[in-house]
Amino acid sequence: QVQPVESGGGLVQAGGSLSLPCAASGRIFRISPMGWYRQAPGKRRELVARITGRGTSNYADFAKGRFTISRHNAKNTAYLQMNSLKFEDTAVYYCRAVTPGGDLWGQGTQVTVSS
């Protein structure tokens, strides 16, 4: 199995939006729970949002109302839409896929929010 690949990060002003896709290969990802996590400098990695293979999602409190996780199973891709970004959302964002063979993590994509 190949690790998922994140993209879409970059520099954005506070109040702006970004959409992060996470592309995976292999049909197993179509039923695998997937999640987005983030890690800011000096902090532990934390859950942002996760979604089951059937599309049931849940969010960290800081993400509720601002972020939306979704997936397109035919494309083996999960998305994180982030709106109303804040300076404190600055972090490396990672995609995780939970497969029968174990967890697969992407390399991460940097999101920087300027105040």
Protein backbone atom coordinates (compact mmCIF):
# COMPACT_ATOMS: atom_id res chain seq x y z
CA GLN A 1 0.00 0.00 0.00
CA VAL A 2 1.17 3.47 -0.84
CA GLN A 3 0.95 6.29 1.66
CA PRO A 4 -1.59 9.01 0.96
CA VAL A 5 -0.43 12.31 -0.50
CA GLU A 6 -1.63 15.66 0.77
CA SER A 7 -1.62 18.90 -1.20
CA GLY A 8 -3.26 22.31 -1.20
CA GLY A 9 -1.35 23.93 1.64
CA GLY A 10 0.06 27.42 1.45
CA LEU A 11 -0.02 30.92 2.84
CA VAL A 12 -3.41 32.53 3.42
CA GLN A 13 -4.63 35.61 5.29
CA ALA A 14 -6.73 35.26 8.39
CA GLY A 15 -10.36 34.84 7.42
CA GLY A 16 -9.45 33.11 4.18
CA SER A 17 -10.04 29.56 2.98
CA LEU A 18 -8.06 26.58 1.79
CA SER A 19 -9.03 23.16 0.49
CA LEU A 20 -6.69 20.26 1.18
CA PRO A 21 -7.03 17.10 -0.89
CA CYS A 22 -5.58 13.78 0.25
CA ALA A 23 -5.10 11.33 -2.58
CA ALA A 24 -4.67 7.63 -1.95
CA SER A 25 -4.12 4.71 -4.27
CA GLY A 26 -5.80 1.36 -4.05
CA ARG A 27 -9.41 0.36 -3.71
CA ILE A 28 -8.95 -0.35 -0.01
CA PHE A 29 -9.08 3.38 0.62
CA ARG A 30 -12.63 3.51 -0.57
CA ILE A 31 -13.74 1.80 2.62
CA SER A 32 -10.97 2.99 4.92
CA PRO A 33 -11.66 5.56 7.59
CA MET A 34 -9.58 8.64 6.88
CA GLY A 35 -8.67 11.61 8.96
CA TRP A 36 -6.92 14.93 8.98
CA TYR A 37 -4.54 15.83 11.77
CA ARG A 38 -2.32 18.80 12.37
CA GLN A 39 0.84 19.61 14.25
CA ALA A 40 1.95 23.12 15.11
CA PRO A 41 5.54 23.91 16.11
CA GLY A 42 6.22 22.74 19.65
CA LYS A 43 2.83 21.05 19.97
CA ARG A 44 1.56 17.51 19.73
CA ARG A 45 -0.21 16.22 16.66
CA GLU A 46 -3.97 16.57 17.08
CA LEU A 47 -7.07 15.37 15.33
CA VAL A 48 -8.85 17.87 13.10
CA ALA A 49 -11.58 15.71 11.58
CA ARG A 50 -12.19 12.15 10.46
CA ILE A 51 -14.60 10.38 8.19
CA THR A 52 -15.66 6.76 7.84
CA GLY A 53 -15.85 4.90 4.57
CA ARG A 54 -19.59 5.55 4.54
CA GLY A 55 -19.17 9.27 5.10
CA THR A 56 -19.89 9.69 8.78
CA SER A 57 -17.70 12.48 10.10
CA ASN A 58 -16.70 14.04 13.36
CA TYR A 59 -14.63 17.08 14.25
CA ALA A 60 -12.44 18.56 16.90
CA ASP A 61 -14.15 21.39 18.73
CA PHE A 62 -11.93 24.02 17.10
CA ALA A 63 -12.92 22.75 13.65
CA LYS A 64 -16.68 22.65 14.11
CA GLY A 65 -18.47 25.22 11.99
CA ARG A 66 -15.34 26.19 10.07
CA PHE A 67 -13.91 22.98 8.57
CA THR A 68 -15.59 20.30 6.51
CA ILE A 69 -14.21 16.85 5.77
CA SER A 70 -15.51 14.93 2.78
CA ARG A 71 -14.48 12.13 0.51
CA HIS A 72 -14.91 11.02 -3.08
CA ASN A 73 -14.48 7.26 -2.98
CA ALA A 74 -14.36 6.79 -6.74
CA LYS A 75 -11.34 9.11 -6.77
CA ASN A 76 -9.80 7.65 -3.60
CA THR A 77 -9.58 11.18 -2.27
CA ALA A 78 -10.50 12.85 0.98
CA TYR A 79 -10.81 16.61 1.35
CA LEU A 80 -10.57 19.13 4.13
CA GLN A 81 -12.26 22.43 3.38
CA MET A 82 -11.10 25.09 5.80
CA ASN A 83 -12.92 28.40 6.08
CA SER A 84 -12.53 31.40 8.36
CA LEU A 85 -8.92 30.47 9.00
CA LYS A 86 -7.20 31.85 12.07
CA PHE A 87 -3.57 32.46 12.87
CA GLU A 88 -3.70 29.55 15.32
CA ASP A 89 -4.62 27.18 12.48
CA THR A 90 -1.02 27.46 11.27
CA ALA A 91 0.40 23.94 11.27
CA VAL A 92 1.47 21.02 9.14
CA TYR A 93 -1.65 19.11 8.15
CA TYR A 94 -1.44 15.35 7.79
CA CYS A 95 -3.75 12.81 6.23
CA ARG A 96 -4.19 9.40 7.83
CA ALA A 97 -5.81 6.30 6.38
CA VAL A 98 -6.78 3.40 8.63
CA THR A 99 -6.42 0.21 6.62
CA PRO A 100 -6.55 -3.47 7.61
CA GLY A 101 -2.77 -3.49 7.17
CA GLY A 102 -2.25 -0.59 9.53
CA ASP A 103 -2.28 3.18 9.58
CA LEU A 104 -0.81 5.07 6.66
CA TRP A 105 0.25 8.70 7.05
CA GLY A 106 1.04 11.25 4.41
CA GLN A 107 4.07 13.53 4.48
CA GLY A 108 2.00 16.56 5.41
CA THR A 109 1.29 19.92 3.87
CA GLN A 110 2.12 23.26 5.47
CA VAL A 111 -0.68 25.72 6.15
CA THR A 112 0.36 29.19 7.25
CA VAL A 113 -2.21 31.78 8.25
CA SER A 114 -1.04 35.37 8.45
CA SER A 115 -2.69 37.63 10.97
